N, C-alpha and C. Protein backbone atom coordinates (compact mmCIF):
# COMPACT_ATOMS: atom_id res chain seq x y z
N MET A 1 -4.81 12.49 17.44
CA MET A 1 -3.96 11.75 16.77
C MET A 1 -2.76 12.37 16.57
N SER A 2 -1.50 11.78 16.87
CA SER A 2 -0.48 12.25 16.78
C SER A 2 0.35 11.79 15.55
N HIS A 3 1.16 12.69 15.08
CA HIS A 3 2.28 12.14 13.85
C HIS A 3 3.55 12.18 14.12
N THR A 4 4.17 11.36 14.14
CA THR A 4 5.69 11.36 14.56
C THR A 4 6.63 11.24 13.33
N LEU A 5 7.91 12.04 13.25
CA LEU A 5 8.76 11.88 12.07
C LEU A 5 10.19 11.63 13.06
N VAL A 6 10.51 10.30 12.75
CA VAL A 6 12.24 10.05 13.23
C VAL A 6 13.05 10.35 12.16
N ILE A 7 14.18 10.88 12.86
CA ILE A 7 15.08 11.14 12.02
C ILE A 7 16.31 10.35 11.83
N ALA A 8 16.42 9.16 11.10
CA ALA A 8 17.54 8.51 11.03
C ALA A 8 18.91 8.66 10.54
N GLU A 9 19.53 8.22 11.41
CA GLU A 9 21.12 8.52 11.49
C GLU A 9 22.13 7.47 10.95
N HIS A 10 22.68 7.77 10.10
CA HIS A 10 23.83 6.98 9.34
C HIS A 10 24.99 7.20 9.38
N ASP A 11 25.55 6.30 8.78
CA ASP A 11 27.31 6.64 8.84
C ASP A 11 27.87 5.91 7.32
N GLN A 12 27.75 6.76 6.22
CA GLN A 12 28.20 6.46 4.86
C GLN A 12 27.03 5.01 4.83
N GLY A 13 26.17 5.35 4.91
CA GLY A 13 24.75 4.19 4.55
C GLY A 13 24.38 3.47 5.50
N GLN A 14 25.47 3.03 6.68
CA GLN A 14 25.02 2.26 7.51
C GLN A 14 24.34 2.75 8.90
N VAL A 15 23.05 2.12 8.74
CA VAL A 15 22.63 2.78 9.92
C VAL A 15 22.94 2.72 11.53
N LYS A 16 22.91 3.79 12.18
CA LYS A 16 23.21 3.67 13.56
C LYS A 16 22.25 3.03 14.17
N LEU A 17 22.60 1.97 15.25
CA LEU A 17 21.91 1.23 15.94
C LEU A 17 20.84 2.26 16.78
N ALA A 18 20.98 3.18 17.13
CA ALA A 18 20.51 3.93 17.95
C ALA A 18 18.84 4.66 17.36
N SER A 19 19.29 4.84 15.97
CA SER A 19 17.81 5.06 15.11
C SER A 19 16.94 4.16 15.34
N PHE A 20 17.24 2.81 15.87
CA PHE A 20 15.94 1.79 16.26
C PHE A 20 15.54 1.96 17.39
N SER A 21 16.28 2.61 18.19
CA SER A 21 15.77 3.17 19.58
C SER A 21 15.06 4.12 19.35
N ALA A 22 15.25 5.19 18.77
CA ALA A 22 14.12 6.43 18.47
C ALA A 22 12.94 5.93 17.79
N ALA A 23 13.06 5.01 16.75
CA ALA A 23 11.61 4.21 16.09
C ALA A 23 11.24 3.49 17.30
N ALA A 24 11.64 2.86 18.14
CA ALA A 24 10.77 2.23 19.47
C ALA A 24 10.18 3.52 20.26
N PHE A 25 10.91 4.19 20.68
CA PHE A 25 10.04 5.57 20.84
C PHE A 25 8.54 5.94 20.44
N ALA A 26 9.40 5.81 18.97
CA ALA A 26 7.94 6.54 18.53
C ALA A 26 6.76 5.66 18.15
N GLN A 27 7.24 4.18 17.99
CA GLN A 27 6.04 3.23 18.59
C GLN A 27 5.42 3.30 19.88
N GLN A 28 6.17 3.89 20.92
CA GLN A 28 5.57 4.16 22.11
C GLN A 28 4.68 5.05 22.55
N ILE A 29 4.77 6.26 21.29
CA ILE A 29 4.16 7.19 21.32
C ILE A 29 2.72 7.12 20.59
N ALA A 30 2.95 6.22 19.25
CA ALA A 30 1.53 5.81 18.79
C ALA A 30 0.76 4.88 19.63
N ALA A 31 1.32 4.04 20.33
CA ALA A 31 0.66 3.21 20.67
C ALA A 31 -0.02 3.64 22.03
N SER A 32 0.57 4.92 22.98
CA SER A 32 -0.27 5.61 23.72
C SER A 32 -0.96 6.88 23.14
N ALA A 33 -0.81 7.30 22.31
CA ALA A 33 -1.55 8.67 22.01
C ALA A 33 -2.28 8.40 20.58
N GLY A 34 -2.26 7.36 20.16
CA GLY A 34 -2.44 6.86 18.84
C GLY A 34 -1.69 7.69 17.60
N GLY A 35 -1.96 7.37 16.24
CA GLY A 35 -1.54 8.16 15.63
C GLY A 35 -0.43 7.01 14.73
N SER A 36 0.49 7.41 13.75
CA SER A 36 1.83 6.65 13.25
C SER A 36 2.83 7.62 13.28
N PHE A 37 3.89 6.94 12.71
CA PHE A 37 5.09 7.65 12.50
C PHE A 37 5.48 7.19 11.05
N ASP A 38 6.58 8.06 10.87
CA ASP A 38 7.42 7.88 9.22
C ASP A 38 9.15 8.32 10.00
N ILE A 39 9.85 7.59 9.13
CA ILE A 39 11.26 7.58 9.22
C ILE A 39 11.52 8.36 7.92
N LEU A 40 12.79 9.37 8.53
CA LEU A 40 13.52 10.29 7.38
C LEU A 40 14.75 10.09 7.44
N VAL A 41 15.17 9.63 5.98
CA VAL A 41 16.65 9.01 5.78
C VAL A 41 17.01 10.55 5.10
N LEU A 42 17.98 11.06 5.23
CA LEU A 42 18.93 12.35 4.54
C LEU A 42 20.21 11.44 4.24
N GLY A 43 20.58 12.20 3.09
CA GLY A 43 21.93 11.58 2.34
C GLY A 43 22.08 11.37 0.92
N SER A 44 23.03 11.07 0.47
CA SER A 44 23.38 10.71 -0.85
C SER A 44 23.78 9.61 -0.92
N GLY A 45 22.68 8.83 -2.09
CA GLY A 45 23.07 7.33 -2.22
C GLY A 45 22.59 6.10 -0.86
N VAL A 46 21.48 6.45 -0.25
CA VAL A 46 20.99 5.89 1.07
C VAL A 46 20.11 4.91 0.98
N SER A 47 20.10 4.52 -0.29
CA SER A 47 19.08 3.25 -0.63
C SER A 47 18.97 1.97 0.41
N ALA A 48 20.58 1.66 0.69
CA ALA A 48 20.85 0.65 1.60
C ALA A 48 20.32 1.09 3.30
N ALA A 49 20.35 2.12 3.59
CA ALA A 49 19.96 2.55 4.87
C ALA A 49 18.47 2.40 4.77
N ALA A 50 17.86 3.10 3.67
CA ALA A 50 16.44 3.25 4.10
C ALA A 50 15.71 1.74 4.12
N GLU A 51 16.25 0.84 3.22
CA GLU A 51 15.88 -0.41 2.59
C GLU A 51 15.86 -1.28 4.42
N ALA A 52 17.08 -1.00 5.01
CA ALA A 52 17.25 -1.41 6.37
C ALA A 52 16.31 -0.88 7.56
N LEU A 53 15.54 0.00 7.23
CA LEU A 53 14.76 0.78 8.37
C LEU A 53 13.20 0.28 7.83
N ARG A 54 13.11 -0.63 6.70
CA ARG A 54 11.54 -0.90 6.31
C ARG A 54 10.66 -1.54 7.33
N SER A 55 11.52 -2.20 8.02
CA SER A 55 11.28 -3.11 9.03
C SER A 55 10.87 -2.61 10.29
N ALA A 56 11.08 -1.40 10.73
CA ALA A 56 11.13 -0.64 11.97
C ALA A 56 9.79 -0.19 12.71
N GLY A 57 8.82 -0.86 11.60
CA GLY A 57 7.12 -0.46 11.80
C GLY A 57 6.78 0.96 11.67
N ALA A 58 7.43 1.89 10.64
CA ALA A 58 7.07 3.09 10.35
C ALA A 58 5.70 3.11 9.25
N ARG A 59 5.09 4.01 9.00
CA ARG A 59 4.02 4.14 8.10
C ARG A 59 4.58 4.13 6.62
N THR A 60 5.87 4.90 6.37
CA THR A 60 6.45 5.09 5.56
C THR A 60 8.06 5.53 6.04
N VAL A 61 8.95 5.10 4.94
CA VAL A 61 10.66 5.28 5.12
C VAL A 61 10.61 6.65 4.06
N LEU A 62 10.97 7.65 4.53
CA LEU A 62 10.73 8.89 3.56
C LEU A 62 12.48 8.94 3.32
N VAL A 63 12.98 9.38 1.77
CA VAL A 63 13.92 9.11 1.44
C VAL A 63 14.42 10.63 0.77
N ALA A 64 15.61 11.42 1.42
CA ALA A 64 15.50 12.78 0.65
C ALA A 64 17.09 12.60 0.47
N ASP A 65 17.46 12.21 -0.76
CA ASP A 65 18.78 11.62 -1.36
C ASP A 65 18.75 12.57 -2.40
N HIS A 66 20.20 13.34 -2.12
CA HIS A 66 20.79 14.13 -3.35
C HIS A 66 22.03 14.61 -2.78
N ALA A 67 22.87 14.90 -3.67
CA ALA A 67 24.20 15.08 -3.90
C ALA A 67 24.75 16.32 -2.76
N GLU A 68 23.90 17.06 -2.55
CA GLU A 68 23.79 18.31 -1.96
C GLU A 68 23.82 17.75 -0.30
N LEU A 69 23.30 16.71 -0.13
CA LEU A 69 23.10 16.26 1.15
C LEU A 69 24.34 15.26 1.55
N ALA A 70 25.43 15.22 0.89
CA ALA A 70 26.01 14.07 0.75
C ALA A 70 26.81 13.95 2.43
N GLN A 71 26.85 15.16 2.59
CA GLN A 71 27.68 15.51 4.29
C GLN A 71 26.74 16.03 4.92
N PRO A 72 26.31 15.62 6.11
CA PRO A 72 25.47 16.09 7.16
C PRO A 72 25.95 17.87 7.31
N LEU A 73 25.78 18.49 6.93
CA LEU A 73 26.00 19.72 7.14
C LEU A 73 24.78 20.40 7.46
N ALA A 74 24.71 20.94 8.95
CA ALA A 74 23.56 21.15 9.48
C ALA A 74 22.55 22.16 8.89
N ASP A 75 22.88 23.25 8.36
CA ASP A 75 22.08 24.25 7.66
C ASP A 75 21.34 23.58 6.92
N ARG A 76 21.75 22.59 5.51
CA ARG A 76 20.87 22.04 4.80
C ARG A 76 19.87 21.02 5.27
N TYR A 77 20.27 20.06 6.15
CA TYR A 77 19.80 18.85 6.88
C TYR A 77 18.54 19.43 7.60
N ALA A 78 18.73 20.89 8.25
CA ALA A 78 17.53 21.22 8.94
C ALA A 78 16.73 21.84 8.20
N GLN A 79 17.33 22.41 7.07
CA GLN A 79 16.27 23.11 6.14
C GLN A 79 15.32 21.75 5.60
N VAL A 80 15.91 20.76 4.88
CA VAL A 80 14.95 19.47 4.48
C VAL A 80 14.11 18.92 5.66
N ILE A 81 14.61 19.04 6.55
CA ILE A 81 13.88 18.25 7.96
C ILE A 81 12.38 19.43 8.06
N ALA A 82 12.90 20.65 8.48
CA ALA A 82 11.73 21.57 8.53
C ALA A 82 10.85 21.49 7.30
N ASP A 83 10.99 21.47 6.16
CA ASP A 83 10.15 21.18 5.32
C ASP A 83 9.29 19.99 4.93
N VAL A 84 9.94 18.54 5.34
CA VAL A 84 9.27 17.49 5.77
C VAL A 84 8.06 17.83 6.76
N VAL A 85 8.59 18.38 7.76
CA VAL A 85 7.55 18.40 9.02
C VAL A 85 6.50 18.96 8.51
N ARG A 86 6.61 20.16 7.98
CA ARG A 86 5.18 20.95 7.37
C ARG A 86 4.79 20.28 6.23
N ALA A 87 5.55 19.75 5.13
CA ALA A 87 4.46 18.70 4.55
C ALA A 87 3.75 17.81 4.90
N ARG A 88 4.37 17.22 6.00
CA ARG A 88 3.52 15.68 6.35
C ARG A 88 3.02 15.98 7.82
N GLY A 89 2.99 17.28 8.24
CA GLY A 89 1.87 17.55 9.30
C GLY A 89 2.53 16.90 10.44
N ALA A 90 3.83 16.95 10.71
CA ALA A 90 4.39 16.16 11.90
C ALA A 90 4.24 16.82 13.17
N THR A 91 3.85 16.57 14.48
CA THR A 91 3.58 17.19 15.14
C THR A 91 5.00 16.71 16.57
N LEU A 92 5.65 15.73 16.21
CA LEU A 92 6.60 15.32 16.82
C LEU A 92 7.69 14.96 16.20
N VAL A 93 9.14 15.50 16.42
CA VAL A 93 10.33 14.95 15.53
C VAL A 93 11.30 14.61 16.68
N VAL A 94 11.42 13.16 16.33
CA VAL A 94 12.30 12.51 17.31
C VAL A 94 13.67 12.05 16.64
N GLY A 95 14.52 12.12 17.55
CA GLY A 95 16.21 11.40 17.26
C GLY A 95 16.53 11.00 18.27
N ALA A 96 17.97 10.06 18.02
CA ALA A 96 18.25 9.86 19.13
C ALA A 96 19.47 10.84 19.62
N VAL A 97 19.96 10.55 20.97
CA VAL A 97 21.00 11.89 21.45
C VAL A 97 22.39 11.40 20.83
N SER A 98 22.71 12.33 19.97
CA SER A 98 24.58 12.11 19.50
C SER A 98 24.71 13.52 18.88
N THR A 99 25.90 13.62 18.28
CA THR A 99 26.57 15.00 18.08
C THR A 99 25.68 15.28 16.83
N PHE A 100 25.48 14.24 16.13
CA PHE A 100 24.50 14.62 14.69
C PHE A 100 23.32 15.38 15.27
N THR A 101 22.43 14.97 16.08
CA THR A 101 21.20 15.79 16.50
C THR A 101 21.24 16.57 17.17
N LYS A 102 22.41 16.69 17.99
CA LYS A 102 22.55 17.92 18.66
C LYS A 102 23.05 19.28 17.74
N ASP A 103 23.32 18.79 16.71
CA ASP A 103 23.71 19.96 15.24
C ASP A 103 22.67 20.06 14.81
N VAL A 104 22.11 19.20 14.72
CA VAL A 104 20.96 19.44 13.46
C VAL A 104 19.77 19.67 13.76
N LEU A 105 19.25 19.07 14.90
CA LEU A 105 17.49 19.18 15.50
C LEU A 105 17.32 20.73 15.96
N PRO A 106 18.04 21.22 16.77
CA PRO A 106 17.51 22.52 17.35
C PRO A 106 17.70 23.53 16.14
N ARG A 107 18.44 23.59 15.44
CA ARG A 107 18.04 24.33 14.10
C ARG A 107 16.83 24.03 13.39
N ALA A 108 16.75 22.48 12.96
CA ALA A 108 15.20 22.26 12.25
C ALA A 108 14.04 23.02 13.46
N ALA A 109 14.11 22.65 14.62
CA ALA A 109 13.27 23.16 15.49
C ALA A 109 13.04 24.70 15.41
N ALA A 110 13.93 25.69 15.42
CA ALA A 110 13.86 26.82 15.30
C ALA A 110 13.02 27.39 14.09
N LEU A 111 13.38 26.45 13.10
CA LEU A 111 12.95 26.98 11.29
C LEU A 111 11.32 26.78 11.49
N VAL A 112 10.50 26.05 12.52
CA VAL A 112 9.45 25.62 12.26
C VAL A 112 8.63 26.16 13.81
N ASP A 113 9.65 27.18 14.27
CA ASP A 113 9.28 27.41 15.70
C ASP A 113 8.61 26.76 16.95
N ALA A 114 9.36 25.66 17.00
CA ALA A 114 9.03 24.45 17.82
C ALA A 114 10.12 24.54 19.27
N GLY A 115 9.42 24.12 20.38
CA GLY A 115 9.85 23.84 21.14
C GLY A 115 10.98 22.30 21.28
N MET A 116 12.14 22.25 22.32
CA MET A 116 12.67 21.01 21.89
C MET A 116 13.55 20.64 23.69
N VAL A 117 13.08 19.36 23.68
CA VAL A 117 13.74 18.63 25.08
C VAL A 117 14.88 17.67 24.46
N SER A 118 16.18 17.65 25.29
CA SER A 118 16.78 16.32 24.76
C SER A 118 17.09 15.41 26.10
N ASP A 119 17.55 14.47 25.54
CA ASP A 119 17.99 13.49 26.69
C ASP A 119 16.71 12.83 27.59
N VAL A 120 15.93 12.36 26.79
CA VAL A 120 14.59 12.08 27.30
C VAL A 120 14.69 10.58 27.43
N VAL A 121 14.33 9.83 28.77
CA VAL A 121 14.47 8.64 29.13
C VAL A 121 12.96 8.25 29.39
N GLY A 122 11.77 8.93 29.42
CA GLY A 122 10.65 8.09 29.23
C GLY A 122 9.66 9.12 29.18
N LEU A 123 8.36 8.65 29.39
CA LEU A 123 7.16 9.64 28.76
C LEU A 123 6.23 9.51 30.57
N GLU A 124 5.57 10.55 30.53
CA GLU A 124 4.73 11.00 31.45
C GLU A 124 3.31 11.46 31.30
N GLY A 125 2.53 10.94 30.78
CA GLY A 125 1.42 11.42 30.35
C GLY A 125 1.67 12.07 28.95
N ASP A 126 1.48 13.43 28.70
CA ASP A 126 2.10 13.99 27.55
C ASP A 126 3.32 14.86 28.24
N ALA A 127 3.81 14.30 29.07
CA ALA A 127 5.08 15.26 29.16
C ALA A 127 6.37 14.02 29.25
N PHE A 128 7.87 14.64 29.08
CA PHE A 128 8.84 13.63 29.14
C PHE A 128 9.75 13.59 30.36
N ARG A 129 10.25 13.01 30.16
CA ARG A 129 10.94 12.84 31.40
C ARG A 129 12.67 12.84 30.81
N ARG A 130 13.19 13.56 31.52
CA ARG A 130 14.56 13.54 30.75
C ARG A 130 16.03 13.73 31.97
N VAL A 131 16.93 13.22 31.95
CA VAL A 131 17.79 13.22 32.65
C VAL A 131 18.68 14.87 32.77
N MET A 132 19.51 15.01 33.87
CA MET A 132 20.35 16.54 34.01
C MET A 132 21.19 16.26 34.92
N PHE A 133 22.35 16.95 34.98
CA PHE A 133 23.41 17.00 35.65
C PHE A 133 23.76 15.72 35.67
N ALA A 134 24.40 15.40 34.79
CA ALA A 134 25.03 13.92 34.55
C ALA A 134 24.13 12.60 35.10
N GLY A 135 22.71 12.65 34.91
CA GLY A 135 21.93 11.78 35.54
C GLY A 135 21.50 11.73 36.89
N ASN A 136 22.34 12.64 37.56
CA ASN A 136 21.70 12.95 39.05
C ASN A 136 20.55 13.49 39.14
N VAL A 137 19.77 14.20 38.53
CA VAL A 137 18.39 14.56 38.39
C VAL A 137 17.62 14.24 37.56
N LEU A 138 16.55 13.84 37.56
CA LEU A 138 15.40 13.44 36.55
C LEU A 138 14.04 14.57 36.51
N ALA A 139 14.08 15.10 35.52
CA ALA A 139 13.01 16.51 35.43
C ALA A 139 11.67 15.87 34.43
N THR A 140 10.69 16.37 34.59
CA THR A 140 9.65 16.15 33.72
C THR A 140 9.21 17.29 33.16
N VAL A 141 9.35 17.66 31.82
CA VAL A 141 9.27 18.60 30.87
C VAL A 141 7.94 18.63 30.23
N ARG A 142 7.00 19.59 29.81
CA ARG A 142 6.14 19.54 29.25
C ARG A 142 6.09 20.84 27.95
N LEU A 143 6.31 20.21 26.55
CA LEU A 143 6.41 21.31 26.11
C LEU A 143 5.22 22.08 25.55
N GLU A 144 4.88 23.44 25.18
CA GLU A 144 3.87 23.97 24.80
C GLU A 144 4.34 23.84 23.23
N GLY A 145 3.28 24.42 22.53
CA GLY A 145 3.15 24.59 20.87
C GLY A 145 2.55 23.41 20.04
N ALA A 146 2.48 23.47 18.96
CA ALA A 146 1.99 22.43 17.81
C ALA A 146 2.82 21.43 17.75
N ILE A 147 4.10 21.93 17.70
CA ILE A 147 5.16 20.61 17.16
C ILE A 147 6.03 20.79 18.32
N LYS A 148 6.74 19.88 18.66
CA LYS A 148 7.81 19.39 19.33
C LYS A 148 8.80 18.43 19.20
N PHE A 149 9.83 18.87 19.50
CA PHE A 149 11.38 18.26 19.13
C PHE A 149 11.82 17.32 20.16
N VAL A 150 12.22 16.12 19.97
CA VAL A 150 12.71 15.40 21.17
C VAL A 150 14.13 14.96 20.68
N THR A 151 14.80 14.58 21.62
CA THR A 151 16.08 13.63 21.45
C THR A 151 16.11 12.64 22.41
N VAL A 152 16.01 11.20 22.19
CA VAL A 152 15.83 10.16 23.21
C VAL A 152 17.17 9.45 23.38
N ARG A 153 17.35 9.04 24.64
CA ARG A 153 18.45 8.38 24.90
C ARG A 153 18.35 6.97 24.07
N SER A 154 19.54 6.46 23.63
CA SER A 154 18.99 4.89 23.07
C SER A 154 19.18 4.06 23.95
N ALA A 155 20.00 3.77 25.39
CA ALA A 155 19.96 2.99 26.01
C ALA A 155 18.84 2.69 27.22
N ALA A 156 17.86 3.90 26.99
CA ALA A 156 16.36 3.90 27.49
C ALA A 156 15.29 3.25 26.91
N PHE A 157 15.92 2.87 25.77
CA PHE A 157 14.62 2.32 25.00
C PHE A 157 15.19 1.28 24.06
N ALA A 158 14.55 -0.12 23.97
CA ALA A 158 15.01 -1.26 23.29
C ALA A 158 14.80 -0.95 21.62
N ALA A 159 15.27 -1.37 20.85
CA ALA A 159 15.36 -1.42 19.61
C ALA A 159 13.65 -1.63 18.94
N ALA A 160 13.21 -1.05 18.26
CA ALA A 160 11.95 -1.03 17.87
C ALA A 160 11.44 -2.68 17.23
N THR A 161 10.87 -2.96 17.60
CA THR A 161 10.20 -4.25 17.28
C THR A 161 9.88 -4.46 15.68
N PRO A 162 10.61 -5.40 15.01
CA PRO A 162 10.43 -5.77 13.87
C PRO A 162 9.34 -5.83 13.13
N SER A 163 8.96 -5.36 12.55
CA SER A 163 7.50 -5.54 11.77
C SER A 163 7.62 -6.68 10.42
N GLU A 164 6.73 -7.63 10.66
CA GLU A 164 6.81 -8.50 9.21
C GLU A 164 6.29 -7.54 7.63
N ALA A 165 5.51 -6.61 7.89
CA ALA A 165 4.79 -6.06 7.16
C ALA A 165 6.24 -4.82 6.65
N GLN A 166 6.70 -4.64 5.28
CA GLN A 166 7.80 -3.95 5.35
C GLN A 166 7.38 -2.69 4.76
N SER A 167 7.44 -1.51 5.46
CA SER A 167 7.07 -0.07 5.06
C SER A 167 7.23 0.50 3.50
N PRO A 168 7.07 1.16 2.93
CA PRO A 168 6.93 1.57 1.76
C PRO A 168 8.16 2.86 1.85
N VAL A 169 8.68 2.94 0.88
CA VAL A 169 9.79 3.81 0.51
C VAL A 169 9.55 4.99 -0.26
N GLU A 170 9.51 6.12 0.27
CA GLU A 170 9.09 7.13 -0.83
C GLU A 170 9.85 8.35 -0.95
N ALA A 171 10.18 8.71 -2.02
CA ALA A 171 11.33 9.97 -2.29
C ALA A 171 10.98 11.27 -1.95
N VAL A 172 11.57 12.06 -1.37
CA VAL A 172 11.26 13.54 -1.06
C VAL A 172 11.97 14.36 -2.04
N ALA A 173 11.18 15.13 -2.27
CA ALA A 173 12.02 15.95 -3.31
C ALA A 173 12.59 16.92 -2.55
N VAL A 174 13.66 17.21 -3.25
CA VAL A 174 14.88 18.12 -2.58
C VAL A 174 14.97 19.30 -3.52
N ASP A 175 14.80 20.41 -3.12
CA ASP A 175 15.13 21.76 -3.91
C ASP A 175 16.69 22.33 -3.59
N ALA A 176 17.52 21.94 -4.49
CA ALA A 176 19.03 22.07 -4.07
C ALA A 176 18.94 23.65 -4.11
N ALA A 177 18.64 24.36 -5.18
CA ALA A 177 18.61 25.88 -5.21
C ALA A 177 17.94 26.39 -4.05
N ALA A 178 17.25 26.11 -3.40
CA ALA A 178 16.83 26.53 -1.98
C ALA A 178 17.57 26.34 -0.81
N LEU A 179 18.36 25.45 -0.87
CA LEU A 179 19.12 25.26 0.31
C LEU A 179 20.00 26.26 0.95
N PRO A 180 20.12 26.47 2.28
CA PRO A 180 21.28 27.25 2.49
C PRO A 180 22.60 26.59 2.42
N LYS A 181 23.60 27.57 2.33
CA LYS A 181 24.88 27.13 1.95
C LYS A 181 26.12 27.82 2.45
N PHE A 182 25.54 27.94 4.22
CA PHE A 182 26.36 28.71 5.24
C PHE A 182 27.71 28.36 5.35
N ALA A 183 27.53 26.62 5.44
CA ALA A 183 28.67 25.89 5.65
C ALA A 183 29.47 25.28 4.39
N THR A 184 30.67 25.09 4.50
CA THR A 184 31.17 24.26 3.40
C THR A 184 32.06 22.90 4.12
N PHE A 185 31.93 21.93 3.03
CA PHE A 185 32.70 20.83 3.77
C PHE A 185 33.66 20.83 3.17
N VAL A 186 34.80 20.69 4.00
CA VAL A 186 36.12 20.63 3.74
C VAL A 186 36.82 19.31 3.70
N ASN A 187 36.63 18.42 4.65
CA ASN A 187 36.97 17.22 4.70
C ASN A 187 36.50 16.25 6.21
N ARG A 188 36.63 15.10 6.32
CA ARG A 188 36.38 14.24 7.21
C ARG A 188 37.69 13.31 7.99
N GLU A 189 37.59 13.58 9.13
CA GLU A 189 39.03 12.70 9.86
C GLU A 189 38.26 11.38 10.56
N VAL A 190 38.73 10.36 10.48
CA VAL A 190 38.16 9.18 11.07
C VAL A 190 39.01 8.68 12.00
N LYS A 191 38.94 8.48 13.26
CA LYS A 191 39.90 8.17 14.13
C LYS A 191 39.87 6.65 14.17
N LYS A 192 40.97 5.78 14.15
CA LYS A 192 41.00 4.22 13.39
C LYS A 192 41.53 3.94 14.96
N SER A 193 40.49 2.63 15.12
CA SER A 193 40.87 2.05 16.27
C SER A 193 40.29 0.58 16.12
N ALA A 194 41.16 -0.42 16.89
CA ALA A 194 40.52 -1.85 16.66
C ALA A 194 39.57 -1.94 17.72
N ARG A 195 39.16 -0.98 18.55
CA ARG A 195 37.61 -1.14 19.35
C ARG A 195 36.73 -0.59 18.69
N PRO A 196 35.20 -1.24 19.30
CA PRO A 196 34.33 -0.89 18.50
C PRO A 196 33.72 0.54 18.88
N ASP A 197 32.64 1.38 18.08
CA ASP A 197 32.30 2.46 18.84
C ASP A 197 31.38 2.02 19.96
N ALA A 198 31.79 2.98 20.96
CA ALA A 198 30.93 2.73 22.38
C ALA A 198 29.37 2.87 21.93
N THR A 199 29.07 3.92 21.31
CA THR A 199 27.82 4.30 20.88
C THR A 199 26.95 3.22 20.19
N GLU A 200 27.91 2.09 19.56
CA GLU A 200 27.03 1.12 18.74
C GLU A 200 26.99 -0.01 19.44
N ALA A 201 27.89 -0.34 20.65
CA ALA A 201 27.34 -1.22 21.75
C ALA A 201 26.33 -1.95 22.00
N ARG A 202 25.78 -3.21 21.78
CA ARG A 202 24.39 -3.60 22.27
C ARG A 202 24.39 -3.59 23.83
């Protein structure tokens, strides 16, 4: 029986559509290997994001809500993710491919001594299919170890089938004093455009 932890991504409380694709991948894992999955939301004032994820079929929507997590600084987020992985006994951690997960998940994987594979587009038994060289090569990768980290391409997985049952929301304790502070947030610049974000296109 496997237990999967999905790392949800949001922008100022608005859940990214790719997070629902990551949840769909977790549903597929649970259906094929048995087990369940939780969704973890990190940030500050993220109750609306957690509410939006309650219909994604997770056993629980976990919320790490703290002022120290207001900005997605990789050192702090990775520490919280690693703590939740240990506390929940997660064997697989899943996120959608993005600059956010490329920054955060490898750090979290290192903290729990786990292997990681990115750009996953499918399953092959207990192995993962991933694209390489701009999609010109498909590789089958099998990770060793008790804990595995993967990022999935959202285009390869339709959004998670909405569940009629609403997942319970559970707060995750954040020990602010124990969080690393290698990075300092300075500012955030957003390029304004009349066109929609391509990563959020249906």
